[in-house]
Amino acid sequence: MELDYKALGKRIKIARINADMTQNRLSTMLEMSPSHMSNIETGSTRISLTALVSIANALGVTVDDLLYDSIVHARPQLERDIQQIVDSCDDYELRVVKDVTQSVVDALRANEKLRQDL
């Protein structure tokens, strides 16, 4: 399985922005050049495991948070992400999210049944 370096870079960028950190500040903390950090975030370079762990530690996230697009069994991370979305909703938004989620699940299951019938 090949890692999606563009998706990984995007997750790193999002985590950095969520940590209210500039690319220059992060690259300085990690003792890497700003251009290398930029290349990591755009997915134009492969990242070493050591650099990935250092980035995760600097941003206060787990490596799973950064890699979960590439992890086959990502259910725990997806559940945490969904829980964060739900936690940020007011009562009205929560009702809409529930209704939309149920509709999506129903449609997915109906499509699965149709696919199996073909």
Protein backbone atom coordinates (compact mmCIF):
# COMPACT_ATOMS: atom_id res chain seq x y z
CA MET A 1 0.00 0.00 0.00
CA GLU A 2 1.31 3.41 -0.98
CA LEU A 3 0.92 6.38 1.36
CA ASP A 4 -0.99 9.36 0.04
CA TYR A 5 1.59 12.07 0.75
CA LYS A 6 -0.71 14.85 -0.44
CA ALA A 7 -3.41 13.81 2.06
CA LEU A 8 -0.77 13.46 4.78
CA GLY A 9 0.60 16.91 3.99
CA LYS A 10 -2.89 18.38 4.08
CA ARG A 11 -3.54 16.84 7.51
CA ILE A 12 -0.22 18.21 8.77
CA LYS A 13 -1.15 21.67 7.50
CA ILE A 14 -4.59 21.49 9.12
CA ALA A 15 -3.07 20.35 12.42
CA ARG A 16 -0.52 23.18 12.24
CA ILE A 17 -3.21 25.77 11.58
CA ASN A 18 -5.34 24.34 14.40
CA ALA A 19 -2.30 24.67 16.66
CA ASP A 20 -2.10 28.35 15.61
CA MET A 21 1.41 27.84 14.31
CA THR A 22 3.08 29.22 11.22
CA GLN A 23 5.01 27.03 8.86
CA ASN A 24 8.18 28.95 9.71
CA ARG A 25 7.69 28.46 13.44
CA LEU A 26 7.10 24.72 13.04
CA SER A 27 10.10 24.30 10.75
CA THR A 28 12.27 26.20 13.26
CA MET A 29 11.05 24.00 16.12
CA LEU A 30 11.89 20.91 14.10
CA GLU A 31 15.19 22.30 12.83
CA MET A 32 14.21 21.83 9.21
CA SER A 33 14.15 24.35 6.39
CA PRO A 34 10.90 26.18 5.69
CA SER A 35 11.04 24.94 2.10
CA HIS A 36 11.26 21.32 3.27
CA MET A 37 8.27 21.90 5.58
CA SER A 38 6.37 23.41 2.65
CA ASN A 39 7.23 20.39 0.49
CA ILE A 40 5.94 18.06 3.21
CA GLU A 41 2.66 19.99 3.47
CA THR A 42 2.13 19.97 -0.30
CA GLY A 43 2.99 16.28 -0.54
CA SER A 44 5.78 16.90 -3.00
CA THR A 45 8.31 15.10 -0.83
CA ARG A 46 8.23 11.91 1.17
CA ILE A 47 8.45 12.33 4.90
CA SER A 48 10.57 10.14 7.15
CA LEU A 49 9.03 8.35 10.10
CA THR A 50 11.27 10.36 12.45
CA ALA A 51 10.08 13.64 10.93
CA LEU A 52 6.44 12.50 11.08
CA VAL A 53 6.71 11.67 14.78
CA SER A 54 8.48 14.98 15.47
CA ILE A 55 5.77 16.91 13.64
CA ALA A 56 3.01 15.08 15.51
CA ASN A 57 4.69 15.80 18.85
CA ALA A 58 5.24 19.47 17.99
CA LEU A 59 1.60 19.88 16.97
CA GLY A 60 0.20 17.93 19.91
CA VAL A 61 -1.52 15.31 17.74
CA THR A 62 -1.00 11.60 17.25
CA VAL A 63 0.60 10.03 14.21
CA ASP A 64 -2.75 8.28 13.71
CA ASP A 65 -4.40 11.71 13.45
CA LEU A 66 -2.06 12.52 10.57
CA LEU A 67 -2.14 9.14 8.85
CA TYR A 68 -5.69 7.98 9.26
CA ASP A 69 -6.48 8.48 5.55
CA SER A 70 -3.94 5.72 4.95
CA ILE A 71 -4.93 3.44 7.83
CA VAL A 72 -7.17 0.55 6.86
CA HIS A 73 -8.79 0.28 10.30
CA ALA A 74 -9.38 3.95 11.05
CA ARG A 75 -12.71 3.54 12.83
CA PRO A 76 -11.54 4.86 16.25
CA GLN A 77 -10.15 8.02 14.66
CA LEU A 78 -13.24 8.53 12.54
CA GLU A 79 -15.44 8.11 15.62
CA ARG A 80 -13.36 10.73 17.48
CA ASP A 81 -13.68 13.13 14.54
CA ILE A 82 -17.43 12.62 14.38
CA GLN A 83 -17.70 13.10 18.14
CA GLN A 84 -15.82 16.41 17.88
CA ILE A 85 -18.26 17.59 15.23
CA VAL A 86 -21.25 16.52 17.33
CA ASP A 87 -19.81 18.16 20.44
CA SER A 88 -19.56 21.49 18.62
CA CYS A 89 -23.24 21.47 17.56
CA ASP A 90 -26.11 23.27 19.23
CA ASP A 91 -29.44 21.44 19.64
CA TYR A 92 -30.81 22.49 16.25
CA GLU A 93 -27.60 21.60 14.41
CA LEU A 94 -27.49 18.25 16.18
CA ARG A 95 -31.00 17.39 14.94
CA VAL A 96 -30.03 18.28 11.38
CA VAL A 97 -26.78 16.28 11.62
CA LYS A 98 -28.74 13.29 12.93
CA ASP A 99 -31.31 13.49 10.11
CA VAL A 100 -28.66 13.93 7.41
CA THR A 101 -26.55 11.11 8.85
CA GLN A 102 -29.52 8.76 8.92
CA SER A 103 -30.39 9.64 5.33
CA VAL A 104 -26.83 9.01 4.17
CA VAL A 105 -26.64 5.66 5.98
CA ASP A 106 -30.01 4.61 4.55
CA ALA A 107 -28.87 5.55 1.02
CA LEU A 108 -25.56 3.72 1.41
CA ARG A 109 -27.31 0.59 2.62
CA ALA A 110 -29.88 0.77 -0.19
CA ASN A 111 -27.08 1.12 -2.75
CA GLU A 112 -25.25 -1.82 -1.19
CA LYS A 113 -28.39 -3.96 -1.53
CA LEU A 114 -28.76 -2.88 -5.18
CA ARG A 115 -25.10 -3.69 -5.84
CA GLN A 116 -25.52 -7.15 -4.34
CA ASP A 117 -28.63 -7.77 -6.46
CA LEU A 118 -26.71 -7.03 -9.68
